[in-house]
Amino acid sequence: MRALSQLQAALLPALLLSLAFAAGCNPPCKRTCRKVLECGNLSTDRLALGACVEDCSKQEQLYEDWDDEVKQDLFADQKRCLLGSSCEEIEDGVCYDGYEELYAF
């Protein structure tokens, strides 16, 4: 019985994350940037992470300031794509095709 509880506890974070994506939540910039930088082998570069998070957050705020729900949704969708894709897929541009009207952060 205890092993089942440990398994449930181990699976809970993954389940919550998948539910959040399914619900269409807006992934945080920091998590998105970490994924992209890891794919570019820059995961240990704090400067790169800070700059990426800052640019991503500014872009997010810009779309909010413009009250542009289409771009807000598109930007959230792009971040979900980046988080859900492999590094090879990202390198192939899977999360940039169809998002050309967004600024690259």
PDB file of N, CA and C in Angstrom:
ATOM      1  N   MET A   1       0.820  -1.190   0.000  1.00  0.00           N
ATOM      2  CA  MET A   1       0.000   0.000   0.000  1.00  0.00           C
ATOM      3  C   MET A   1       0.868   1.260   0.000  1.00  0.00           C
ATOM      4  N   ARG A   2       1.950   1.208   0.756  1.00  0.00           N
ATOM      5  CA  ARG A   2       2.837   2.366   0.824  1.00  0.00           C
ATOM      6  C   ARG A   2       3.481   2.644  -0.539  1.00  0.00           C
ATOM      7  N   ALA A   3       3.815   1.581  -1.272  1.00  0.00           N
ATOM      8  CA  ALA A   3       4.419   1.746  -2.599  1.00  0.00           C
ATOM      9  C   ALA A   3       3.453   2.446  -3.535  1.00  0.00           C
ATOM     10  N   LEU A   4       2.165   2.149  -3.410  1.00  0.00           N
ATOM     11  CA  LEU A   4       1.166   2.814  -4.238  1.00  0.00           C
ATOM     12  C   LEU A   4       1.102   4.303  -3.916  1.00  0.00           C
ATOM     13  N   SER A   5       1.164   4.652  -2.648  1.00  0.00           N
ATOM     14  CA  SER A   5       1.144   6.064  -2.247  1.00  0.00           C
ATOM     15  C   SER A   5       2.366   6.800  -2.773  1.00  0.00           C
ATOM     16  N   GLN A   6       3.510   6.140  -2.740  1.00  0.00           N
ATOM     17  CA  GLN A   6       4.727   6.764  -3.250  1.00  0.00           C
ATOM     18  C   GLN A   6       4.624   6.954  -4.759  1.00  0.00           C
ATOM     19  N   LEU A   7       4.060   5.978  -5.451  1.00  0.00           N
ATOM     20  CA  LEU A   7       3.869   6.093  -6.890  1.00  0.00           C
ATOM     21  C   LEU A   7       2.915   7.231  -7.215  1.00  0.00           C
ATOM     22  N   GLN A   8       1.828   7.327  -6.473  1.00  0.00           N
ATOM     23  CA  GLN A   8       0.867   8.413  -6.683  1.00  0.00           C
ATOM     24  C   GLN A   8       1.525   9.767  -6.437  1.00  0.00           C
ATOM     25  N   ALA A   9       2.325   9.861  -5.386  1.00  0.00           N
ATOM     26  CA  ALA A   9       3.016  11.116  -5.081  1.00  0.00           C
ATOM     27  C   ALA A   9       4.014  11.469  -6.177  1.00  0.00           C
ATOM     28  N   ALA A  10       4.643  10.471  -6.758  1.00  0.00           N
ATOM     29  CA  ALA A  10       5.621  10.716  -7.823  1.00  0.00           C
ATOM     30  C   ALA A  10       4.925  11.155  -9.107  1.00  0.00           C
ATOM     31  N   LEU A  11       3.744  10.650  -9.355  1.00  0.00           N
ATOM     32  CA  LEU A  11       3.031  10.967 -10.591  1.00  0.00           C
ATOM     33  C   LEU A  11       2.218  12.253 -10.504  1.00  0.00           C
ATOM     34  N   LEU A  12       1.938  12.717  -9.318  1.00  0.00           N
ATOM     35  CA  LEU A  12       1.095  13.895  -9.139  1.00  0.00           C
ATOM     36  C   LEU A  12       1.633  15.136  -9.846  1.00  0.00           C
ATOM     37  N   PRO A  13       2.913  15.491  -9.714  1.00  0.00           N
ATOM     38  CA  PRO A  13       3.397  16.691 -10.421  1.00  0.00           C
ATOM     39  C   PRO A  13       3.222  16.595 -11.938  1.00  0.00           C
ATOM     40  N   ALA A  14       3.491  15.428 -12.510  1.00  0.00           N
ATOM     41  CA  ALA A  14       3.335  15.267 -13.958  1.00  0.00           C
ATOM     42  C   ALA A  14       1.872  15.399 -14.356  1.00  0.00           C
ATOM     43  N   LEU A  15       0.987  14.847 -13.549  1.00  0.00           N
ATOM     44  CA  LEU A  15      -0.439  14.946 -13.828  1.00  0.00           C
ATOM     45  C   LEU A  15      -0.902  16.395 -13.759  1.00  0.00           C
ATOM     46  N   LEU A  16      -0.468  17.109 -12.733  1.00  0.00           N
ATOM     47  CA  LEU A  16      -0.860  18.521 -12.605  1.00  0.00           C
ATOM     48  C   LEU A  16      -0.330  19.348 -13.765  1.00  0.00           C
ATOM     49  N   LEU A  17       0.896  19.074 -14.188  1.00  0.00           N
ATOM     50  CA  LEU A  17       1.470  19.802 -15.314  1.00  0.00           C
ATOM     51  C   LEU A  17       0.689  19.530 -16.592  1.00  0.00           C
ATOM     52  N   SER A  18       0.345  18.270 -16.817  1.00  0.00           N
ATOM     53  CA  SER A  18      -0.408  17.955 -18.033  1.00  0.00           C
ATOM     54  C   SER A  18      -1.801  18.571 -17.992  1.00  0.00           C
ATOM     55  N   LEU A  19      -2.421  18.619 -16.824  1.00  0.00           N
ATOM     56  CA  LEU A  19      -3.728  19.270 -16.703  1.00  0.00           C
ATOM     57  C   LEU A  19      -3.621  20.764 -16.961  1.00  0.00           C
ATOM     58  N   ALA A  20      -2.548  21.367 -16.497  1.00  0.00           N
ATOM     59  CA  ALA A  20      -2.354  22.800 -16.720  1.00  0.00           C
ATOM     60  C   ALA A  20      -2.208  23.095 -18.203  1.00  0.00           C
ATOM     61  N   PHE A  21      -1.446  22.254 -18.913  1.00  0.00           N
ATOM     62  CA  PHE A  21      -1.296  22.456 -20.352  1.00  0.00           C
ATOM     63  C   PHE A  21      -2.612  22.230 -21.065  1.00  0.00           C
ATOM     64  N   ALA A  22      -3.338  21.209 -20.639  1.00  0.00           N
ATOM     65  CA  ALA A  22      -4.624  20.912 -21.265  1.00  0.00           C
ATOM     66  C   ALA A  22      -5.605  22.052 -21.036  1.00  0.00           C
ATOM     67  N   ALA A  23      -5.515  22.690 -19.903  1.00  0.00           N
ATOM     68  CA  ALA A  23      -6.416  23.794 -19.584  1.00  0.00           C
ATOM     69  C   ALA A  23      -6.001  25.070 -20.303  1.00  0.00           C
ATOM     70  N   GLY A  24      -4.847  25.064 -20.940  1.00  0.00           N
ATOM     71  CA  GLY A  24      -4.417  26.226 -21.707  1.00  0.00           C
ATOM     72  C   GLY A  24      -3.757  27.305 -20.869  1.00  0.00           C
ATOM     73  N   CYS A  25      -3.140  26.921 -19.762  1.00  0.00           N
ATOM     74  CA  CYS A  25      -2.494  27.925 -18.930  1.00  0.00           C
ATOM     75  C   CYS A  25      -1.296  28.530 -19.666  1.00  0.00           C
ATOM     76  N   ASN A  26      -0.862  29.648 -19.187  1.00  0.00           N
ATOM     77  CA  ASN A  26       0.257  30.356 -19.778  1.00  0.00           C
ATOM     78  C   ASN A  26       1.540  29.927 -19.069  1.00  0.00           C
ATOM     79  N   PRO A  27       2.394  29.157 -19.731  1.00  0.00           N
ATOM     80  CA  PRO A  27       3.628  28.705 -19.080  1.00  0.00           C
ATOM     81  C   PRO A  27       4.519  29.877 -18.688  1.00  0.00           C
ATOM     82  N   PRO A  28       5.198  29.762 -17.553  1.00  0.00           N
ATOM     83  CA  PRO A  28       6.086  30.843 -17.122  1.00  0.00           C
ATOM     84  C   PRO A  28       7.278  31.007 -18.062  1.00  0.00           C
ATOM     85  N   CYS A  29       7.702  32.238 -18.212  1.00  0.00           N
ATOM     86  CA  CYS A  29       8.854  32.536 -19.069  1.00  0.00           C
ATOM     87  C   CYS A  29      10.105  31.810 -18.602  1.00  0.00           C
ATOM     88  N   LYS A  30      10.322  31.737 -17.294  1.00  0.00           N
ATOM     89  CA  LYS A  30      11.553  31.130 -16.793  1.00  0.00           C
ATOM     90  C   LYS A  30      11.646  29.665 -17.205  1.00  0.00           C
ATOM     91  N   ARG A  31      10.549  28.932 -17.098  1.00  0.00           N
ATOM     92  CA  ARG A  31      10.565  27.518 -17.480  1.00  0.00           C
ATOM     93  C   ARG A  31      10.783  27.373 -18.984  1.00  0.00           C
ATOM     94  N   THR A  32      10.128  28.230 -19.760  1.00  0.00           N
ATOM     95  CA  THR A  32      10.276  28.181 -21.215  1.00  0.00           C
ATOM     96  C   THR A  32      11.715  28.491 -21.613  1.00  0.00           C
ATOM     97  N   CYS A  33      12.282  29.524 -21.005  1.00  0.00           N
ATOM     98  CA  CYS A  33      13.664  29.901 -21.325  1.00  0.00           C
ATOM     99  C   CYS A  33      14.644  28.807 -20.937  1.00  0.00           C
ATOM    100  N   ARG A  34      14.434  28.189 -19.789  1.00  0.00           N
ATOM    101  CA  ARG A  34      15.332  27.101 -19.386  1.00  0.00           C
ATOM    102  C   ARG A  34      15.332  25.991 -20.427  1.00  0.00           C
ATOM    103  N   LYS A  35      14.144  25.648 -20.916  1.00  0.00           N
ATOM    104  CA  LYS A  35      14.042  24.581 -21.916  1.00  0.00           C
ATOM    105  C   LYS A  35      14.790  24.969 -23.185  1.00  0.00           C
ATOM    106  N   VAL A  36      14.546  26.164 -23.685  1.00  0.00           N
ATOM    107  CA  VAL A  36      15.189  26.609 -24.929  1.00  0.00           C
ATOM    108  C   VAL A  36      16.701  26.688 -24.750  1.00  0.00           C
ATOM    109  N   LEU A  37      17.145  27.203 -23.620  1.00  0.00           N
ATOM    110  CA  LEU A  37      18.588  27.323 -23.383  1.00  0.00           C
ATOM    111  C   LEU A  37      19.242  25.960 -23.195  1.00  0.00           C
ATOM    112  N   GLU A  38      18.545  25.021 -22.566  1.00  0.00           N
ATOM    113  CA  GLU A  38      19.079  23.672 -22.436  1.00  0.00           C
ATOM    114  C   GLU A  38      19.278  23.047 -23.809  1.00  0.00           C
ATOM    115  N   CYS A  39      18.341  23.300 -24.691  1.00  0.00           N
ATOM    116  CA  CYS A  39      18.459  22.757 -26.052  1.00  0.00           C
ATOM    117  C   CYS A  39      19.648  23.371 -26.779  1.00  0.00           C
ATOM    118  N   GLY A  40      19.986  24.599 -26.455  1.00  0.00           N
ATOM    119  CA  GLY A  40      21.130  25.260 -27.089  1.00  0.00           C
ATOM    120  C   GLY A  40      22.406  25.098 -26.303  1.00  0.00           C
ATOM    121  N   ASN A  41      22.398  24.191 -25.311  1.00  0.00           N
ATOM    122  CA  ASN A  41      23.549  23.952 -24.441  1.00  0.00           C
ATOM    123  C   ASN A  41      24.010  25.209 -23.715  1.00  0.00           C
ATOM    124  N   LEU A  42      23.059  26.061 -23.362  1.00  0.00           N
ATOM    125  CA  LEU A  42      23.377  27.289 -22.635  1.00  0.00           C
ATOM    126  C   LEU A  42      22.754  27.291 -21.244  1.00  0.00           C
ATOM    127  N   SER A  43      22.358  26.123 -20.755  1.00  0.00           N
ATOM    128  CA  SER A  43      21.598  26.043 -19.508  1.00  0.00           C
ATOM    129  C   SER A  43      22.370  26.543 -18.290  1.00  0.00           C
ATOM    130  N   THR A  44      23.693  26.605 -18.358  1.00  0.00           N
ATOM    131  CA  THR A  44      24.465  27.063 -17.210  1.00  0.00           C
ATOM    132  C   THR A  44      24.793  28.550 -17.301  1.00  0.00           C
ATOM    133  N   ASP A  45      24.406  29.183 -18.366  1.00  0.00           N
ATOM    134  CA  ASP A  45      24.704  30.598 -18.566  1.00  0.00           C
ATOM    135  C   ASP A  45      23.617  31.447 -17.922  1.00  0.00           C
ATOM    136  N   ARG A  46      23.893  31.956 -16.712  1.00  0.00           N
ATOM    137  CA  ARG A  46      22.903  32.746 -15.977  1.00  0.00           C
ATOM    138  C   ARG A  46      22.534  34.027 -16.713  1.00  0.00           C
ATOM    139  N   LEU A  47      23.508  34.617 -17.399  1.00  0.00           N
ATOM    140  CA  LEU A  47      23.239  35.833 -18.156  1.00  0.00           C
ATOM    141  C   LEU A  47      22.220  35.566 -19.249  1.00  0.00           C
ATOM    142  N   ALA A  48      22.385  34.462 -19.957  1.00  0.00           N
ATOM    143  CA  ALA A  48      21.462  34.106 -21.027  1.00  0.00           C
ATOM    144  C   ALA A  48      20.070  33.855 -20.464  1.00  0.00           C
ATOM    145  N   LEU A  49      19.969  33.172 -19.334  1.00  0.00           N
ATOM    146  CA  LEU A  49      18.670  32.906 -18.723  1.00  0.00           C
ATOM    147  C   LEU A  49      18.006  34.209 -18.302  1.00  0.00           C
ATOM    148  N   GLY A  50      18.751  35.084 -17.668  1.00  0.00           N
ATOM    149  CA  GLY A  50      18.191  36.361 -17.232  1.00  0.00           C
ATOM    150  C   GLY A  50      17.696  37.197 -18.396  1.00  0.00           C
ATOM    151  N   ALA A  51      18.484  37.256 -19.466  1.00  0.00           N
ATOM    152  CA  ALA A  51      18.100  38.038 -20.642  1.00  0.00           C
ATOM    153  C   ALA A  51      16.876  37.427 -21.317  1.00  0.00           C
ATOM    154  N   CYS A  52      16.839  36.110 -21.406  1.00  0.00           N
ATOM    155  CA  CYS A  52      15.708  35.437 -22.037  1.00  0.00           C
ATOM    156  C   CYS A  52      14.425  35.688 -21.250  1.00  0.00           C
ATOM    157  N   VAL A  53      14.486  35.515 -19.937  1.00  0.00           N
ATOM    158  CA  VAL A  53      13.303  35.719 -19.092  1.00  0.00           C
ATOM    159  C   VAL A  53      12.835  37.166 -19.183  1.00  0.00           C
ATOM    160  N   GLU A  54      13.775  38.099 -19.173  1.00  0.00           N
ATOM    161  CA  GLU A  54      13.417  39.520 -19.268  1.00  0.00           C
ATOM    162  C   GLU A  54      12.727  39.820 -20.599  1.00  0.00           C
ATOM    163  N   ASP A  55      13.291  39.338 -21.690  1.00  0.00           N
ATOM    164  CA  ASP A  55      12.698  39.576 -23.008  1.00  0.00           C
ATOM    165  C   ASP A  55      11.331  38.915 -23.134  1.00  0.00           C
ATOM    166  N   CYS A  56      11.211  37.706 -22.647  1.00  0.00           N
ATOM    167  CA  CYS A  56       9.943  36.987 -22.691  1.00  0.00           C
ATOM    168  C   CYS A  56       8.881  37.727 -21.872  1.00  0.00           C
ATOM    169  N   SER A  57       9.259  38.161 -20.684  1.00  0.00           N
ATOM    170  CA  SER A  57       8.314  38.876 -19.818  1.00  0.00           C
ATOM    171  C   SER A  57       7.892  40.204 -20.427  1.00  0.00           C
ATOM    172  N   LYS A  58       8.837  40.902 -21.048  1.00  0.00           N
ATOM    173  CA  LYS A  58       8.509  42.171 -21.711  1.00  0.00           C
ATOM    174  C   LYS A  58       7.532  41.946 -22.859  1.00  0.00           C
ATOM    175  N   GLN A  59       7.762  40.880 -23.615  1.00  0.00           N
ATOM    176  CA  GLN A  59       6.863  40.576 -24.728  1.00  0.00           C
ATOM    177  C   GLN A  59       5.465  40.249 -24.203  1.00  0.00           C
ATOM    178  N   GLU A  60       5.409  39.473 -23.160  1.00  0.00           N
ATOM    179  CA  GLU A  60       4.138  39.126 -22.539  1.00  0.00           C
ATOM    180  C   GLU A  60       3.402  40.386 -22.077  1.00  0.00           C
ATOM    181  N   GLN A  61       4.139  41.288 -21.425  1.00  0.00           N
ATOM    182  CA  GLN A  61       3.548  42.531 -20.925  1.00  0.00           C
ATOM    183  C   GLN A  61       3.097  43.431 -22.065  1.00  0.00           C
ATOM    184  N   LEU A  62       3.858  43.465 -23.146  1.00  0.00           N
ATOM    185  CA  LEU A  62       3.501  44.282 -24.296  1.00  0.00           C
ATOM    186  C   LEU A  62       2.147  43.872 -24.861  1.00  0.00           C
ATOM    187  N   TYR A  63       1.936  42.574 -25.027  1.00  0.00           N
ATOM    188  CA  TYR A  63       0.659  42.093 -25.559  1.00  0.00           C
ATOM    189  C   TYR A  63      -0.485  42.379 -24.584  1.00  0.00           C
ATOM    190  N   GLU A  64      -0.186  42.335 -23.285  1.00  0.00           N
ATOM    191  CA  GLU A  64      -1.204  42.697 -22.293  1.00  0.00           C
ATOM    192  C   GLU A  64      -1.510  44.193 -22.370  1.00  0.00           C
ATOM    193  N   ASP A  65      -0.470  45.017 -22.494  1.00  0.00           N
ATOM    194  CA  ASP A  65      -0.667  46.468 -22.602  1.00  0.00           C
ATOM    195  C   ASP A  65      -1.470  46.826 -23.840  1.00  0.00           C
ATOM    196  N   TRP A  66      -1.232  46.117 -24.916  1.00  0.00           N
ATOM    197  CA  TRP A  66      -1.972  46.350 -26.158  1.00  0.00           C
ATOM    198  C   TRP A  66      -3.390  45.799 -26.084  1.00  0.00           C
ATOM    199  N   ASP A  67      -3.648  44.994 -25.048  1.00  0.00           N
ATOM    200  CA  ASP A  67      -4.939  44.322 -24.900  1.00  0.00           C
ATOM    201  C   ASP A  67      -5.220  43.458 -26.130  1.00  0.00           C
ATOM    202  N   ASP A  68      -4.157  42.806 -26.615  1.00  0.00           N
ATOM    203  CA  ASP A  68      -4.236  41.976 -27.820  1.00  0.00           C
ATOM    204  C   ASP A  68      -4.348  40.510 -27.401  1.00  0.00           C
ATOM    205  N   GLU A  69      -5.582  40.056 -27.247  1.00  0.00           N
ATOM    206  CA  GLU A  69      -5.810  38.697 -26.779  1.00  0.00           C
ATOM    207  C   GLU A  69      -5.341  37.648 -27.784  1.00  0.00           C
ATOM    208  N   VAL A  70      -5.410  37.974 -29.061  1.00  0.00           N
ATOM    209  CA  VAL A  70      -4.947  37.020 -30.084  1.00  0.00           C
ATOM    210  C   VAL A  70      -3.452  36.756 -29.907  1.00  0.00           C
ATOM    211  N   LYS A  71      -2.671  37.821 -29.746  1.00  0.00           N
ATOM    212  CA  LYS A  71      -1.223  37.642 -29.573  1.00  0.00           C
ATOM    213  C   LYS A  71      -0.903  37.043 -28.205  1.00  0.00           C
ATOM    214  N   GLN A  72      -1.673  37.385 -27.189  1.00  0.00           N
ATOM    215  CA  GLN A  72      -1.457  36.774 -25.872  1.00  0.00           C
ATOM    216  C   GLN A  72      -1.651  35.265 -25.964  1.00  0.00           C
ATOM    217  N   ASP A  73      -2.726  34.846 -26.608  1.00  0.00           N
ATOM    218  CA  ASP A  73      -3.002  33.413 -26.752  1.00  0.00           C
ATOM    219  C   ASP A  73      -1.957  32.732 -27.629  1.00  0.00           C
ATOM    220  N   LEU A  74      -1.556  33.395 -28.705  1.00  0.00           N
ATOM    221  CA  LEU A  74      -0.556  32.841 -29.605  1.00  0.00           C
ATOM    222  C   LEU A  74       0.790  32.686 -28.906  1.00  0.00           C
ATOM    223  N   PHE A  75       1.143  33.679 -28.094  1.00  0.00           N
ATOM    224  CA  PHE A  75       2.407  33.636 -27.363  1.00  0.00           C
ATOM    225  C   PHE A  75       2.387  32.511 -26.327  1.00  0.00           C
ATOM    226  N   ALA A  76       1.278  32.367 -25.606  1.00  0.00           N
ATOM    227  CA  ALA A  76       1.151  31.269 -24.641  1.00  0.00           C
ATOM    228  C   ALA A  76       1.228  29.927 -25.361  1.00  0.00           C
ATOM    229  N   ASP A  77       0.601  29.843 -26.523  1.00  0.00           N
ATOM    230  CA  ASP A  77       0.638  28.616 -27.311  1.00  0.00           C
ATOM    231  C   ASP A  77       2.065  28.303 -27.762  1.00  0.00           C
ATOM    232  N   GLN A  78       2.807  29.328 -28.155  1.00  0.00           N
ATOM    233  CA  GLN A  78       4.197  29.110 -28.569  1.00  0.00           C
ATOM    234  C   GLN A  78       5.030  28.600 -27.393  1.00  0.00           C
ATOM    235  N   LYS A  79       4.823  29.157 -26.218  1.00  0.00           N
ATOM    236  CA  LYS A  79       5.578  28.692 -25.042  1.00  0.00           C
ATOM    237  C   LYS A  79       5.210  27.247 -24.694  1.00  0.00           C
ATOM    238  N   ARG A  80       3.929  26.900 -24.813  1.00  0.00           N
ATOM    239  CA  ARG A  80       3.517  25.512 -24.589  1.00  0.00           C
ATOM    240  C   ARG A  80       4.178  24.592 -25.616  1.00  0.00           C
ATOM    241  N   CYS A  81       4.256  25.055 -26.851  1.00  0.00           N
ATOM    242  CA  CYS A  81       4.909  24.271 -27.908  1.00  0.00           C
ATOM    243  C   CYS A  81       6.375  24.036 -27.562  1.00  0.00           C
ATOM    244  N   LEU A  82       7.069  25.078 -27.148  1.00  0.00           N
ATOM    245  CA  LEU A  82       8.485  24.951 -26.798  1.00  0.00           C
ATOM    246  C   LEU A  82       8.687  23.967 -25.656  1.00  0.00           C
ATOM    247  N   LEU A  83       7.829  24.046 -24.647  1.00  0.00           N
ATOM    248  CA  LEU A  83       7.968  23.150 -23.503  1.00  0.00           C
ATOM    249  C   LEU A  83       7.630  21.712 -23.858  1.00  0.00           C
ATOM    250  N   GLY A  84       6.725  21.514 -24.788  1.00  0.00           N
ATOM    251  CA  GLY A  84       6.293  20.172 -25.134  1.00  0.00           C
ATOM    252  C   GLY A  84       7.062  19.527 -26.268  1.00  0.00           C
ATOM    253  N   SER A  85       8.007  20.237 -26.844  1.00  0.00           N
ATOM    254  CA  SER A  85       8.752  19.718 -27.997  1.00  0.00           C
ATOM    255  C   SER A  85      10.139  19.252 -27.588  1.00  0.00           C
ATOM    256  N   SER A  86      10.676  18.357 -28.386  1.00  0.00           N
ATOM    257  CA  SER A  86      12.055  17.910 -28.170  1.00  0.00           C
ATOM    258  C   SER A  86      13.005  18.992 -28.696  1.00  0.00           C
ATOM    259  N   CYS A  87      14.245  18.903 -28.290  1.00  0.00           N
ATOM    260  CA  CYS A  87      15.244  19.864 -28.774  1.00  0.00           C
ATOM    261  C   CYS A  87      15.386  19.783 -30.289  1.00  0.00           C
ATOM    262  N   GLU A  88      15.301  18.581 -30.824  1.00  0.00           N
ATOM    263  CA  GLU A  88      15.410  18.416 -32.272  1.00  0.00           C
ATOM    264  C   GLU A  88      14.255  19.124 -32.980  1.00  0.00           C
ATOM    265  N   GLU A  89      13.053  18.992 -32.421  1.00  0.00           N
ATOM    266  CA  GLU A  89      11.893  19.653 -33.014  1.00  0.00           C
ATOM    267  C   GLU A  89      12.039  21.176 -32.944  1.00  0.00           C
ATOM    268  N   ILE A  90      12.546  21.665 -31.828  1.00  0.00           N
ATOM    269  CA  ILE A  90      12.754  23.105 -31.679  1.00  0.00           C
ATOM    270  C   ILE A  90      13.781  23.593 -32.689  1.00  0.00           C
ATOM    271  N   GLU A  91      14.872  22.834 -32.826  1.00  0.00           N
ATOM    272  CA  GLU A  91      15.906  23.199 -33.800  1.00  0.00           C
ATOM    273  C   GLU A  91      15.355  23.201 -35.226  1.00  0.00           C
ATOM    274  N   ASP A  92      14.397  22.325 -35.485  1.00  0.00           N
ATOM    275  CA  ASP A  92      13.776  22.260 -36.813  1.00  0.00           C
ATOM    276  C   ASP A  92      12.751  23.371 -37.036  1.00  0.00           C
ATOM    277  N   GLY A  93      12.464  24.149 -35.993  1.00  0.00           N
ATOM    278  CA  GLY A  93      11.563  25.288 -36.136  1.00  0.00           C
ATOM    279  C   GLY A  93      10.099  24.997 -35.914  1.00  0.00           C
ATOM    280  N   VAL A  94       9.789  23.850 -35.304  1.00  0.00           N
ATOM    281  CA  VAL A  94       8.387  23.477 -35.124  1.00  0.00           C
ATOM    282  C   VAL A  94       7.607  24.528 -34.319  1.00  0.00           C
ATOM    283  N   CYS A  95       8.264  25.218 -33.422  1.00  0.00           N
ATOM    284  CA  CYS A  95       7.567  26.199 -32.576  1.00  0.00           C
ATOM    285  C   CYS A  95       7.732  27.629 -33.081  1.00  0.00           C
ATOM    286  N   TYR A  96       8.245  27.779 -34.279  1.00  0.00           N
ATOM    287  CA  TYR A  96       8.364  29.110 -34.867  1.00  0.00           C
ATOM    288  C   TYR A  96       7.507  29.234 -36.114  1.00  0.00           C
ATOM    289  N   ASP A  97       7.281  28.108 -36.798  1.00  0.00           N
ATOM    290  CA  ASP A  97       6.383  28.110 -37.949  1.00  0.00           C
ATOM    291  C   ASP A  97       4.961  28.368 -37.450  1.00  0.00           C
ATOM    292  N   GLY A  98       4.336  29.387 -38.007  1.00  0.00           N
ATOM    293  CA  GLY A  98       2.984  29.741 -37.582  1.00  0.00           C
ATOM    294  C   GLY A  98       2.962  30.816 -36.507  1.00  0.00           C
ATOM    295  N   TYR A  99       4.129  31.187 -36.023  1.00  0.00           N
ATOM    296  CA  TYR A  99       4.215  32.206 -34.983  1.00  0.00           C
ATOM    297  C   TYR A  99       5.001  33.426 -35.468  1.00  0.00           C
ATOM    298  N   GLU A 100       5.044  33.614 -36.780  1.00  0.00           N
ATOM    299  CA  GLU A 100       5.864  34.664 -37.359  1.00  0.00           C
ATOM    300  C   GLU A 100       5.451  36.072 -36.939  1.00  0.00           C
ATOM    301  N   GLU A 101       4.194  36.258 -36.568  1.00  0.00           N
ATOM    302  CA  GLU A 101       3.760  37.607 -36.189  1.00  0.00           C
ATOM    303  C   GLU A 101       4.180  37.991 -34.769  1.00  0.00           C
ATOM    304  N   LEU A 102       4.756  37.039 -34.048  1.00  0.00           N
ATOM    305  CA  LEU A 102       5.260  37.333 -32.711  1.00  0.00           C
ATOM    306  C   LEU A 102       6.713  37.790 -32.798  1.00  0.00           C
ATOM    307  N   TYR A 103       7.143  38.558 -31.810  1.00  0.00           N
ATOM    308  CA  TYR A 103       8.550  38.913 -31.712  1.00  0.00           C
ATOM    309  C   TYR A 103       9.296  37.711 -31.179  1.00  0.00           C
ATOM    310  N   ALA A 104      10.467  37.456 -31.701  1.00  0.00           N
ATOM    311  CA  ALA A 104      11.301  36.354 -31.168  1.00  0.00           C
ATOM    312  C   ALA A 104      11.956  36.845 -29.900  1.00  0.00           C
ATOM    313  N   PHE A 105      11.742  36.131 -28.804  1.00  0.00           N
ATOM    314  CA  PHE A 105      12.335  36.540 -27.532  1.00  0.00           C
ATOM    315  C   PHE A 105      13.585  35.770 -27.260  1.00  0.00           C
TER     316      PHE A 105
END
